[in-house]
N, C-alpha and C. Protein backbone atom coordinates (compact mmCIF):
# COMPACT_ATOMS: atom_id res chain seq x y z
N MET A 1 38.78 34.97 68.41
CA MET A 1 40.45 34.86 68.94
C MET A 1 40.93 34.29 67.70
N ARG A 2 41.76 35.11 67.21
CA ARG A 2 42.68 34.71 66.09
C ARG A 2 43.68 33.75 66.18
N THR A 3 43.92 32.70 65.49
CA THR A 3 44.88 31.46 65.36
C THR A 3 45.99 31.67 64.30
N THR A 4 46.97 31.05 64.55
CA THR A 4 48.08 31.12 63.46
C THR A 4 48.41 29.52 63.02
N ARG A 5 48.69 29.83 61.71
CA ARG A 5 48.92 28.47 61.06
C ARG A 5 50.45 28.32 60.85
N VAL A 6 50.96 27.25 61.08
CA VAL A 6 52.25 27.24 60.89
C VAL A 6 52.46 25.57 60.07
N THR A 7 53.74 25.54 59.42
CA THR A 7 53.93 24.14 59.01
C THR A 7 54.57 23.40 59.93
N VAL A 8 54.58 21.99 60.00
CA VAL A 8 55.09 21.34 60.71
C VAL A 8 56.44 21.26 60.77
N ALA A 9 57.23 21.53 59.58
CA ALA A 9 58.70 21.64 59.48
C ALA A 9 59.23 23.14 60.32
N ALA A 10 58.47 24.11 60.19
CA ALA A 10 58.64 25.21 61.01
C ALA A 10 58.87 24.97 62.56
N LEU A 11 57.33 24.35 62.93
CA LEU A 11 57.44 23.74 64.40
C LEU A 11 58.48 23.01 64.82
N LEU A 12 58.83 21.96 64.09
CA LEU A 12 59.99 21.17 64.47
C LEU A 12 61.21 21.82 64.63
N ALA A 13 61.43 22.81 63.79
CA ALA A 13 62.74 23.69 64.05
C ALA A 13 62.69 24.53 65.20
N ALA A 14 61.50 25.13 65.30
CA ALA A 14 61.18 25.88 66.53
C ALA A 14 61.18 25.07 67.82
N ALA A 15 60.56 23.88 67.84
CA ALA A 15 60.70 23.16 69.04
C ALA A 15 62.00 22.58 69.39
N ALA A 16 62.94 22.32 68.47
CA ALA A 16 64.22 22.23 68.85
C ALA A 16 65.11 23.29 69.52
N LEU A 17 64.65 24.69 69.34
CA LEU A 17 65.19 25.38 70.10
C LEU A 17 64.56 25.78 71.27
N THR A 18 63.49 25.26 71.56
CA THR A 18 62.57 25.90 72.67
C THR A 18 62.47 24.62 73.83
N LEU A 19 63.28 24.96 74.67
CA LEU A 19 63.10 23.82 75.96
C LEU A 19 62.85 24.69 77.16
N THR A 20 62.15 23.94 78.12
CA THR A 20 62.19 24.67 79.40
C THR A 20 62.96 23.70 80.52
N ALA A 21 63.84 24.14 81.28
CA ALA A 21 64.91 23.65 81.99
C ALA A 21 64.18 23.35 83.45
N CYS A 22 63.55 22.29 84.06
CA CYS A 22 62.85 22.41 85.32
C CYS A 22 63.66 21.60 86.19
N GLY A 23 63.78 22.18 87.31
CA GLY A 23 64.50 21.07 88.54
C GLY A 23 64.73 21.89 89.75
N GLY A 24 65.34 20.89 90.49
CA GLY A 24 65.99 21.64 92.03
C GLY A 24 64.45 21.64 93.03
N ASP A 25 64.70 22.39 93.66
CA ASP A 25 63.96 22.82 95.12
C ASP A 25 63.01 23.67 94.52
N PRO A 26 61.46 23.21 94.54
CA PRO A 26 60.31 24.16 94.15
C PRO A 26 60.45 25.44 94.39
N ALA A 27 61.04 25.62 95.70
CA ALA A 27 60.64 27.11 96.37
C ALA A 27 61.74 27.78 95.91
N LYS A 28 62.69 27.47 94.97
CA LYS A 28 63.67 28.21 94.51
C LYS A 28 63.60 28.78 93.08
N THR A 29 62.92 29.88 92.63
CA THR A 29 62.41 30.11 91.35
C THR A 29 63.53 30.28 90.58
N ASP A 30 64.80 30.36 91.04
CA ASP A 30 66.05 30.75 89.78
C ASP A 30 66.41 29.55 89.24
N SER A 31 65.78 28.41 89.84
CA SER A 31 66.17 27.15 89.31
C SER A 31 65.79 26.63 88.08
N VAL A 32 64.94 27.36 87.65
CA VAL A 32 64.22 27.19 86.10
C VAL A 32 64.74 28.39 85.12
N THR A 33 65.30 27.77 84.22
CA THR A 33 65.90 28.57 83.01
C THR A 33 65.04 28.50 81.86
N GLN A 34 64.52 29.61 81.30
CA GLN A 34 63.80 29.45 80.00
C GLN A 34 64.85 29.53 78.83
N ILE A 35 64.99 28.53 77.83
CA ILE A 35 65.79 28.66 76.45
C ILE A 35 64.81 28.75 75.41
N SER A 36 64.84 29.93 74.78
CA SER A 36 63.87 30.12 73.74
C SER A 36 64.57 30.41 72.45
N GLY A 37 63.68 29.93 71.22
CA GLY A 37 64.13 30.42 70.04
C GLY A 37 63.30 29.89 69.02
N GLY A 38 63.40 30.42 67.75
CA GLY A 38 62.40 29.92 66.91
C GLY A 38 61.27 31.19 66.73
N ARG A 39 60.12 30.57 66.39
CA ARG A 39 59.05 31.48 66.21
C ARG A 39 58.34 31.86 67.64
N ASN A 40 58.08 33.25 67.73
CA ASN A 40 57.71 33.74 68.98
C ASN A 40 56.23 34.06 68.67
N ASN A 41 55.17 33.44 69.19
CA ASN A 41 53.90 33.26 68.57
C ASN A 41 52.86 33.83 69.88
N ALA A 42 52.48 34.97 69.90
CA ALA A 42 51.83 35.58 71.08
C ALA A 42 50.50 35.11 71.10
N LYS A 43 49.75 34.33 70.27
CA LYS A 43 48.40 33.86 70.29
C LYS A 43 48.47 32.33 70.82
N PRO A 44 47.58 32.21 71.74
CA PRO A 44 47.79 31.11 72.60
C PRO A 44 47.57 29.50 71.66
N ALA A 45 46.97 29.92 70.47
CA ALA A 45 46.54 28.73 69.87
C ALA A 45 47.18 28.68 68.27
N THR A 46 47.91 27.44 68.11
CA THR A 46 48.67 27.58 66.69
C THR A 46 47.98 26.62 66.07
N VAL A 47 47.34 26.70 65.04
CA VAL A 47 46.44 25.66 64.33
C VAL A 47 47.36 25.03 63.07
N LEU A 48 48.01 23.83 63.07
CA LEU A 48 48.93 23.50 62.05
C LEU A 48 48.34 22.86 60.58
N ASP A 49 48.60 23.22 59.83
CA ASP A 49 48.36 23.04 58.42
C ASP A 49 48.43 21.56 58.05
N ARG A 50 49.52 21.04 58.74
CA ARG A 50 49.89 19.58 58.57
C ARG A 50 49.80 19.02 59.98
N PRO A 51 48.76 18.31 60.31
CA PRO A 51 48.37 17.82 61.96
C PRO A 51 49.50 16.69 62.03
N PHE A 52 49.79 16.45 63.34
CA PHE A 52 50.58 15.05 63.84
C PHE A 52 49.88 14.11 63.73
N THR A 53 50.33 12.83 63.36
CA THR A 53 49.86 11.66 63.38
C THR A 53 50.03 11.11 65.20
N LYS A 54 48.79 10.79 65.58
CA LYS A 54 49.10 10.29 66.85
C LYS A 54 50.16 9.07 66.95
N PRO A 55 51.04 9.11 67.95
CA PRO A 55 52.14 8.25 67.92
C PRO A 55 51.27 6.91 68.45
N GLU A 56 52.11 6.12 68.10
CA GLU A 56 51.84 4.45 68.65
C GLU A 56 52.54 4.45 69.94
N LEU A 57 52.17 4.84 70.98
CA LEU A 57 52.91 5.08 72.16
C LEU A 57 52.31 4.03 73.36
N VAL A 58 52.60 2.80 73.80
CA VAL A 58 52.65 2.09 74.75
C VAL A 58 53.20 2.35 76.09
N LEU A 59 52.55 2.87 77.11
CA LEU A 59 53.32 2.89 78.29
C LEU A 59 52.56 2.33 79.43
N THR A 60 52.87 2.72 80.54
CA THR A 60 52.50 2.25 81.88
C THR A 60 51.56 3.23 82.78
N ASP A 61 50.31 2.89 82.81
CA ASP A 61 49.26 4.08 83.65
C ASP A 61 49.73 3.99 85.04
N THR A 62 48.91 4.89 85.80
CA THR A 62 49.31 5.12 87.07
C THR A 62 48.57 3.83 88.24
N THR A 63 48.11 3.08 87.61
CA THR A 63 47.73 1.72 88.10
C THR A 63 48.64 0.52 87.65
N GLY A 64 49.75 0.88 86.91
CA GLY A 64 50.85 -0.29 86.67
C GLY A 64 50.51 -1.02 85.49
N LYS A 65 49.29 -0.53 84.85
CA LYS A 65 48.68 -1.57 83.71
C LYS A 65 49.19 -1.04 82.22
N PRO A 66 49.50 -1.62 81.18
CA PRO A 66 49.68 -1.11 79.89
C PRO A 66 48.65 -0.19 79.18
N TRP A 67 49.22 0.89 78.47
CA TRP A 67 48.08 1.80 78.45
C TRP A 67 48.39 2.39 76.90
N ASN A 68 47.75 2.02 75.95
CA ASN A 68 47.97 2.49 74.65
C ASN A 68 47.45 3.35 74.09
N LEU A 69 48.17 4.74 74.14
CA LEU A 69 47.58 6.22 73.66
C LEU A 69 46.68 5.90 72.21
N ARG A 70 47.27 5.23 71.19
CA ARG A 70 46.52 5.49 69.98
C ARG A 70 44.94 4.62 70.36
N GLU A 71 45.21 3.67 70.74
CA GLU A 71 44.01 2.72 71.05
C GLU A 71 42.71 3.49 71.90
N GLN A 72 43.31 3.84 73.04
CA GLN A 72 42.59 4.51 74.06
C GLN A 72 42.18 5.72 74.13
N THR A 73 42.48 6.58 73.10
CA THR A 73 42.02 7.83 73.02
C THR A 73 41.32 8.05 71.68
N LYS A 74 41.17 6.62 70.68
CA LYS A 74 40.56 6.79 69.57
C LYS A 74 39.46 7.52 69.62
N GLY A 75 39.13 8.32 68.78
CA GLY A 75 37.82 9.09 68.48
C GLY A 75 37.43 10.18 69.77
N LYS A 76 38.40 10.57 70.46
CA LYS A 76 38.40 11.48 71.58
C LYS A 76 38.84 12.50 71.73
N PRO A 77 38.29 13.90 71.97
CA PRO A 77 39.04 14.74 72.00
C PRO A 77 40.26 14.52 73.06
N THR A 78 41.37 14.89 72.84
CA THR A 78 42.75 14.62 73.61
C THR A 78 44.01 15.51 73.60
N LEU A 79 43.97 15.90 74.98
CA LEU A 79 45.28 16.99 75.13
C LEU A 79 46.32 16.04 75.68
N ILE A 80 47.59 16.40 75.00
CA ILE A 80 48.67 15.45 75.57
C ILE A 80 49.77 16.53 75.88
N TYR A 81 50.54 16.16 77.19
CA TYR A 81 51.51 17.30 77.72
C TYR A 81 52.47 16.27 78.11
N PHE A 82 54.03 16.43 77.99
CA PHE A 82 55.32 15.96 78.23
C PHE A 82 56.04 16.66 79.46
N GLY A 83 55.91 16.26 80.59
CA GLY A 83 56.53 16.94 81.97
C GLY A 83 56.72 15.92 82.85
N TYR A 84 57.02 16.55 84.02
CA TYR A 84 57.27 15.95 84.99
C TYR A 84 57.07 16.40 86.70
N THR A 85 56.50 15.39 87.38
CA THR A 85 56.10 16.00 88.66
C THR A 85 56.84 16.85 89.77
N HIS A 86 58.34 16.60 89.54
CA HIS A 86 59.31 17.38 90.28
C HIS A 86 59.42 19.11 89.71
N CYS A 87 58.92 19.06 88.55
CA CYS A 87 58.94 20.26 88.26
C CYS A 87 58.30 21.46 88.95
N PRO A 88 59.02 22.46 89.38
CA PRO A 88 58.78 23.50 90.28
C PRO A 88 57.48 24.50 89.87
N ASP A 89 57.50 24.62 88.47
CA ASP A 89 56.38 25.61 88.19
C ASP A 89 55.53 25.41 86.79
N VAL A 90 56.34 24.99 85.68
CA VAL A 90 55.66 25.06 84.57
C VAL A 90 54.85 23.84 84.43
N CYS A 91 55.24 22.71 84.77
CA CYS A 91 54.20 21.45 84.63
C CYS A 91 53.03 21.75 85.45
N PRO A 92 53.13 21.83 86.60
CA PRO A 92 52.08 21.75 87.67
C PRO A 92 51.09 23.02 87.04
N LEU A 93 51.76 24.09 86.82
CA LEU A 93 50.66 25.31 86.33
C LEU A 93 50.12 24.93 85.00
N THR A 94 50.64 24.29 84.22
CA THR A 94 49.90 23.72 82.76
C THR A 94 48.77 23.03 83.29
N MET A 95 49.25 21.72 84.04
CA MET A 95 48.04 20.89 84.34
C MET A 95 47.10 21.67 85.15
N SER A 96 47.28 22.66 86.05
CA SER A 96 46.34 23.19 86.86
C SER A 96 45.58 23.88 85.89
N ASN A 97 45.79 24.75 84.79
CA ASN A 97 45.12 25.39 83.94
C ASN A 97 44.02 24.74 83.20
N ILE A 98 44.51 23.73 82.92
CA ILE A 98 43.68 22.59 81.97
C ILE A 98 42.70 22.43 83.07
N ALA A 99 42.86 21.93 84.17
CA ALA A 99 41.84 21.11 85.13
C ALA A 99 41.02 22.23 85.38
N VAL A 100 41.28 23.53 85.81
CA VAL A 100 40.25 24.49 85.83
C VAL A 100 39.43 24.78 84.88
N ALA A 101 40.00 25.00 83.43
CA ALA A 101 39.18 24.86 82.32
C ALA A 101 38.08 23.89 82.15
N LYS A 102 38.75 22.55 82.34
CA LYS A 102 37.81 21.62 82.05
C LYS A 102 36.47 21.63 83.12
N LYS A 103 36.67 22.04 84.20
CA LYS A 103 35.64 22.13 85.28
C LYS A 103 34.43 23.13 84.74
N ALA A 104 35.01 23.98 83.90
CA ALA A 104 33.82 24.82 83.33
C ALA A 104 33.03 24.18 82.03
N LEU A 105 33.41 23.23 81.67
CA LEU A 105 32.52 22.41 80.52
C LEU A 105 31.39 21.64 81.21
N PRO A 106 30.58 21.48 80.48
CA PRO A 106 29.24 20.57 80.67
C PRO A 106 29.88 19.10 81.08
N LYS A 107 29.08 18.45 82.22
CA LYS A 107 29.58 17.40 82.51
C LYS A 107 29.78 16.47 81.47
N ALA A 108 29.11 15.89 80.36
CA ALA A 108 29.25 15.20 79.30
C ALA A 108 30.54 15.46 78.65
N ASP A 109 30.79 16.80 78.58
CA ASP A 109 32.29 17.38 77.67
C ASP A 109 33.44 16.61 78.59
N GLN A 110 33.07 16.96 79.87
CA GLN A 110 34.40 16.66 80.79
C GLN A 110 34.69 15.31 80.86
N ASP A 111 33.56 14.43 80.76
CA ASP A 111 33.96 12.97 80.76
C ASP A 111 34.66 12.42 79.65
N ASN A 112 34.36 13.26 78.37
CA ASN A 112 34.78 12.84 76.95
C ASN A 112 36.21 13.18 76.92
N LEU A 113 36.54 14.38 77.44
CA LEU A 113 37.91 15.08 77.21
C LEU A 113 39.04 13.92 77.76
N GLN A 114 39.90 13.50 76.96
CA GLN A 114 41.20 13.02 77.54
C GLN A 114 42.31 13.97 77.72
N VAL A 115 42.75 14.00 79.00
CA VAL A 115 44.06 14.82 79.22
C VAL A 115 45.00 13.69 79.73
N VAL A 116 46.19 13.66 78.90
CA VAL A 116 47.10 12.76 79.09
C VAL A 116 48.51 13.31 79.34
N PHE A 117 49.10 13.19 80.46
CA PHE A 117 50.42 13.53 81.13
C PHE A 117 51.31 12.53 81.07
N VAL A 118 52.26 12.61 80.17
CA VAL A 118 53.46 11.62 79.86
C VAL A 118 55.02 12.24 80.62
N THR A 119 55.13 11.32 81.60
CA THR A 119 56.47 12.03 82.26
C THR A 119 57.87 11.75 81.45
N THR A 120 58.69 12.66 81.81
CA THR A 120 59.70 13.18 81.12
C THR A 120 60.97 12.58 81.85
N ASP A 121 60.58 12.29 83.29
CA ASP A 121 61.64 11.69 84.32
C ASP A 121 60.93 10.49 84.75
N PRO A 122 60.72 9.42 83.92
CA PRO A 122 60.28 7.97 84.62
C PRO A 122 60.87 7.30 85.47
N GLU A 123 62.45 7.85 85.74
CA GLU A 123 63.07 7.13 87.00
C GLU A 123 62.52 7.42 88.30
N ARG A 124 62.20 8.66 88.38
CA ARG A 124 61.56 9.18 89.85
C ARG A 124 59.86 9.00 89.62
N ASP A 125 59.16 9.41 88.50
CA ASP A 125 57.62 9.20 88.08
C ASP A 125 57.54 7.70 87.78
N THR A 126 57.47 7.04 89.07
CA THR A 126 56.76 5.82 89.05
C THR A 126 55.33 5.83 88.83
N PRO A 127 54.52 4.71 88.81
CA PRO A 127 53.18 4.96 88.94
C PRO A 127 52.54 5.37 90.13
N ALA A 128 53.28 4.70 91.17
CA ALA A 128 52.94 5.21 92.40
C ALA A 128 53.32 6.67 93.06
N ALA A 129 54.25 7.11 92.31
CA ALA A 129 54.30 8.83 92.56
C ALA A 129 53.73 9.76 91.45
N LEU A 130 53.35 9.32 90.35
CA LEU A 130 52.33 9.93 89.44
C LEU A 130 51.03 10.05 89.65
N GLY A 131 50.51 9.02 90.14
CA GLY A 131 48.99 8.70 90.63
C GLY A 131 48.52 9.99 91.37
N PRO A 132 49.39 10.20 92.65
CA PRO A 132 48.70 11.04 93.49
C PRO A 132 49.10 12.78 93.07
N TRP A 133 49.95 12.85 92.24
CA TRP A 133 50.36 14.18 91.85
C TRP A 133 49.06 14.60 90.86
N LEU A 134 48.78 13.67 90.01
CA LEU A 134 47.81 14.09 88.96
C LEU A 134 46.46 14.12 89.62
N LYS A 135 46.13 13.19 90.59
CA LYS A 135 44.85 13.18 91.26
C LYS A 135 44.59 14.44 92.01
N ALA A 136 45.58 15.38 92.41
CA ALA A 136 45.65 16.39 92.92
C ALA A 136 45.14 17.61 91.99
N GLN A 137 45.51 17.34 90.76
CA GLN A 137 44.93 18.14 89.70
C GLN A 137 43.63 17.94 89.19
N ASP A 138 43.39 16.48 89.00
CA ASP A 138 42.12 15.98 88.50
C ASP A 138 42.32 14.56 88.46
N PRO A 139 41.36 13.86 89.19
CA PRO A 139 41.29 12.32 89.29
C PRO A 139 41.15 11.71 87.98
N ALA A 140 40.62 12.66 86.95
CA ALA A 140 40.30 11.86 85.47
C ALA A 140 41.68 11.91 84.63
N PHE A 141 42.73 12.61 85.02
CA PHE A 141 43.65 13.00 84.38
C PHE A 141 44.61 11.66 84.00
N ILE A 142 45.00 11.27 83.12
CA ILE A 142 45.98 10.08 82.69
C ILE A 142 47.40 10.45 82.76
N GLY A 143 48.00 9.45 83.58
CA GLY A 143 49.44 9.56 83.74
C GLY A 143 50.31 8.45 83.25
N LEU A 144 51.26 8.34 82.47
CA LEU A 144 51.97 7.50 81.71
C LEU A 144 53.36 7.61 82.12
N THR A 145 54.10 6.55 82.24
CA THR A 145 55.51 6.52 82.58
C THR A 145 55.88 5.39 81.84
N GLY A 146 57.17 4.97 81.87
CA GLY A 146 57.97 3.92 81.11
C GLY A 146 59.33 3.88 80.69
N ASP A 147 59.46 3.52 79.71
CA ASP A 147 61.24 3.65 79.00
C ASP A 147 61.33 4.98 78.81
N PHE A 148 62.61 5.58 79.26
CA PHE A 148 62.70 6.90 78.75
C PHE A 148 63.02 7.00 77.20
N ALA A 149 63.52 6.07 76.29
CA ALA A 149 63.69 6.11 75.05
C ALA A 149 62.47 6.03 74.36
N THR A 150 61.35 5.20 74.68
CA THR A 150 60.36 5.25 74.23
C THR A 150 59.57 6.44 74.29
N ILE A 151 59.70 7.30 75.30
CA ILE A 151 58.72 8.35 75.72
C ILE A 151 59.55 9.63 74.85
N GLN A 152 60.69 9.37 74.65
CA GLN A 152 61.47 10.57 74.03
C GLN A 152 61.18 10.25 72.21
N ALA A 153 61.07 9.09 71.86
CA ALA A 153 60.67 8.99 70.59
C ALA A 153 59.40 9.45 70.29
N GLY A 154 58.31 9.17 70.97
CA GLY A 154 56.89 9.65 70.96
C GLY A 154 56.80 11.22 71.02
N ALA A 155 57.60 11.84 71.87
CA ALA A 155 57.60 13.09 71.87
C ALA A 155 58.20 13.80 70.77
N ARG A 156 59.28 13.29 70.22
CA ARG A 156 59.69 13.98 68.98
C ARG A 156 59.09 13.53 67.86
N SER A 157 58.38 12.60 67.89
CA SER A 157 57.39 12.48 66.55
C SER A 157 56.06 13.65 66.94
N LEU A 158 55.92 14.27 67.67
CA LEU A 158 55.23 15.24 67.78
C LEU A 158 55.66 16.64 68.19
N GLY A 159 57.25 16.61 67.54
CA GLY A 159 57.79 17.82 67.60
C GLY A 159 58.15 18.41 68.95
N ILE A 160 58.29 17.76 69.92
CA ILE A 160 58.55 18.02 70.96
C ILE A 160 59.89 17.44 71.57
N GLY A 161 60.68 18.39 71.98
CA GLY A 161 62.27 17.77 72.32
C GLY A 161 62.13 17.79 73.87
N ILE A 162 62.75 16.56 74.37
CA ILE A 162 62.88 15.93 75.83
C ILE A 162 64.29 15.69 75.83
N GLU A 163 64.90 15.88 77.16
CA GLU A 163 66.21 15.21 77.47
C GLU A 163 66.05 14.49 78.89
N ALA A 164 66.96 13.65 78.78
CA ALA A 164 67.02 12.62 80.13
C ALA A 164 67.34 13.58 81.20
N ALA A 165 66.59 13.53 82.36
CA ALA A 165 66.99 14.24 83.52
C ALA A 165 68.35 14.15 84.15
N LYS A 166 69.07 15.16 84.30
CA LYS A 166 70.39 15.15 84.72
C LYS A 166 70.54 15.84 86.14
N THR A 167 71.57 15.37 87.19
CA THR A 167 71.87 16.00 88.23
C THR A 167 73.00 16.87 88.24
N GLU A 168 72.79 18.11 88.67
CA GLU A 168 73.65 19.08 88.68
C GLU A 168 74.80 19.20 89.71
N ALA A 169 75.75 19.97 89.89
CA ALA A 169 76.75 19.76 90.88
C ALA A 169 76.22 19.92 92.24
N ASN A 170 75.23 21.10 92.26
CA ASN A 170 74.30 21.29 93.56
C ASN A 170 73.57 20.17 93.97
N GLY A 171 73.19 19.10 93.26
CA GLY A 171 72.29 18.12 93.80
C GLY A 171 71.10 18.38 92.97
N ASP A 172 70.55 19.32 92.25
CA ASP A 172 69.27 19.68 91.66
C ASP A 172 69.29 18.69 90.52
N VAL A 173 68.09 17.99 90.30
CA VAL A 173 67.99 17.12 88.99
C VAL A 173 67.21 18.09 88.31
N VAL A 174 67.72 18.23 86.99
CA VAL A 174 67.20 19.31 86.05
C VAL A 174 66.52 18.28 84.87
N SER A 175 65.56 18.63 84.47
CA SER A 175 64.65 18.00 83.10
C SER A 175 64.31 18.79 82.24
N MET A 176 65.19 18.81 81.02
CA MET A 176 64.80 19.41 79.58
C MET A 176 63.57 19.04 79.04
N HIS A 177 62.72 19.87 78.53
CA HIS A 177 61.51 19.35 78.11
C HIS A 177 60.88 20.67 77.33
N GLY A 178 60.23 20.21 76.33
CA GLY A 178 59.21 21.05 75.57
C GLY A 178 57.94 21.25 76.13
N ALA A 179 57.19 22.38 76.37
CA ALA A 179 56.14 22.85 77.28
C ALA A 179 55.02 23.12 76.43
N GLN A 180 55.01 22.39 75.32
CA GLN A 180 53.71 22.46 74.45
C GLN A 180 52.70 21.36 74.86
N VAL A 181 51.34 21.90 74.68
CA VAL A 181 50.51 21.06 74.90
C VAL A 181 49.81 20.67 73.35
N ILE A 182 49.51 19.63 73.18
CA ILE A 182 49.14 19.27 71.69
C ILE A 182 47.47 18.64 71.79
N ALA A 183 46.65 19.46 71.05
CA ALA A 183 45.15 18.84 70.76
C ALA A 183 45.00 18.17 69.73
N PHE A 184 44.31 17.06 70.10
CA PHE A 184 44.04 15.80 69.04
C PHE A 184 42.32 15.81 68.87
N SER A 185 42.10 15.85 67.38
CA SER A 185 40.91 15.83 67.21
C SER A 185 40.12 14.70 67.17
N PRO A 186 38.88 14.81 68.01
CA PRO A 186 37.99 13.35 67.81
C PRO A 186 37.59 12.91 66.60
N LYS A 187 37.41 13.64 65.55
CA LYS A 187 37.13 13.40 64.26
C LYS A 187 38.11 12.59 63.40
N THR A 188 39.57 13.16 63.46
CA THR A 188 40.72 12.62 62.64
C THR A 188 41.56 11.72 63.44
N ASP A 189 41.57 12.02 64.95
CA ASP A 189 42.69 11.72 65.75
C ASP A 189 43.97 12.19 65.63
N GLU A 190 44.09 13.44 64.81
CA GLU A 190 45.47 14.03 64.61
C GLU A 190 45.62 15.05 65.34
N GLY A 191 46.87 15.48 65.80
CA GLY A 191 47.16 16.51 66.62
C GLY A 191 47.26 17.83 65.75
N TYR A 192 46.07 18.75 65.95
CA TYR A 192 46.11 19.77 64.93
C TYR A 192 46.16 21.15 65.53
N VAL A 193 46.39 21.11 66.95
CA VAL A 193 46.51 22.30 67.70
C VAL A 193 47.30 22.57 68.59
N LEU A 194 48.34 23.40 68.72
CA LEU A 194 49.48 23.45 69.94
C LEU A 194 49.33 24.94 70.85
N TYR A 195 49.50 24.40 71.98
CA TYR A 195 49.41 25.37 73.01
C TYR A 195 50.68 25.64 73.57
N GLY A 196 51.36 26.77 73.82
CA GLY A 196 52.47 27.01 74.47
C GLY A 196 52.49 27.30 75.95
N GLU A 197 53.39 27.39 76.55
CA GLU A 197 53.39 27.42 78.18
C GLU A 197 52.58 28.73 78.45
N GLY A 198 52.65 29.95 77.96
CA GLY A 198 52.03 30.84 78.44
C GLY A 198 50.24 31.01 78.28
N THR A 199 49.74 29.70 77.89
CA THR A 199 48.25 29.62 77.81
C THR A 199 47.68 29.55 79.13
N THR A 200 46.57 30.64 79.11
CA THR A 200 46.13 30.57 80.51
C THR A 200 44.75 29.98 80.56
N VAL A 201 44.18 29.82 81.87
CA VAL A 201 42.90 29.13 82.18
C VAL A 201 41.81 29.71 81.29
N ASP A 202 41.60 31.19 80.85
CA ASP A 202 40.69 31.84 79.94
C ASP A 202 40.84 31.06 78.64
N ASP A 203 42.18 30.91 78.21
CA ASP A 203 42.44 30.82 76.74
C ASP A 203 41.99 29.06 76.72
N TYR A 204 42.24 28.32 77.62
CA TYR A 204 41.68 27.06 77.38
C TYR A 204 40.30 27.03 77.65
N ALA A 205 39.55 27.60 78.44
CA ALA A 205 37.94 27.66 78.54
C ALA A 205 37.59 28.11 77.36
N LYS A 206 38.13 29.12 76.42
CA LYS A 206 37.53 29.61 75.42
C LYS A 206 37.51 28.36 74.42
N ASP A 207 38.74 27.72 74.32
CA ASP A 207 39.14 26.65 73.17
C ASP A 207 38.51 25.39 73.40
N LEU A 208 38.38 25.02 74.62
CA LEU A 208 38.12 23.32 74.75
C LEU A 208 36.67 23.19 74.10
N PRO A 209 35.60 23.79 74.18
CA PRO A 209 34.44 23.55 73.59
C PRO A 209 34.67 23.07 72.13
N LYS A 210 35.39 24.07 71.56
CA LYS A 210 35.68 23.72 69.92
C LYS A 210 36.58 22.38 69.90
N ILE A 211 37.68 22.35 70.78
CA ILE A 211 38.51 21.05 70.47
C ILE A 211 37.72 19.81 70.77
N ILE A 212 36.66 19.92 71.69
CA ILE A 212 35.91 18.78 71.98
C ILE A 212 35.26 18.26 70.87
N LYS A 213 34.78 19.42 69.83
CA LYS A 213 33.93 18.81 68.43
C LYS A 213 35.04 18.73 67.49
N GLY A 214 36.18 19.13 67.69
CA GLY A 214 37.14 18.75 66.47
C GLY A 214 37.06 19.91 65.56
N GLU A 215 36.91 20.93 66.28
CA GLU A 215 36.82 22.34 65.23
C GLU A 215 38.04 23.09 65.58
N ASN A 216 38.28 23.97 64.72
CA ASN A 216 39.57 25.08 64.95
C ASN A 216 39.01 25.93 66.07
N PRO A 217 39.93 26.20 67.03
CA PRO A 217 39.67 27.30 67.95
C PRO A 217 39.92 28.70 67.47
């Protein structure tokens, strides 16, 4: 599998133009609009030439306790995704793909891999709402919520754009967010691989054994 290397500057420029609008009734597929721009990368894995520093992000987990992203994922292979539970397609599909691929790993690797879902809609995604949604995907997935400004700053430090949820005239609540998954190395604790929303179960299944070792996919 070939990978593509890009600069962080190019990634940030592309991220500013690539947002997914999710909202409304999950049964209505026309409530989701794709807004794309920047680099069109057909390969699932983008290896960054200048990795992202893991943000100093302290939020609230699904048990209602403070959770320090940098401290509690230190030295562990980690996937981070920003999305929300009312998203009708992109967010649940992304988490489902990761969950299915994770199950193909040896038990020790499954236990070591950290998958962190940070909500972009904290007003509705309380710990009580976020917990059951994630548990249905994988009980080990970590869900974080908190102050929107804090979440937005953390996402932006990783080149991921998000906007506060808005209610449209028809009553649908729409949340704009980047759909990237960022993989952090257990060796350096830096975000060095990016996956787009088109990444499949097979893509993750092929790459996760290397991500867990801190290798390039």
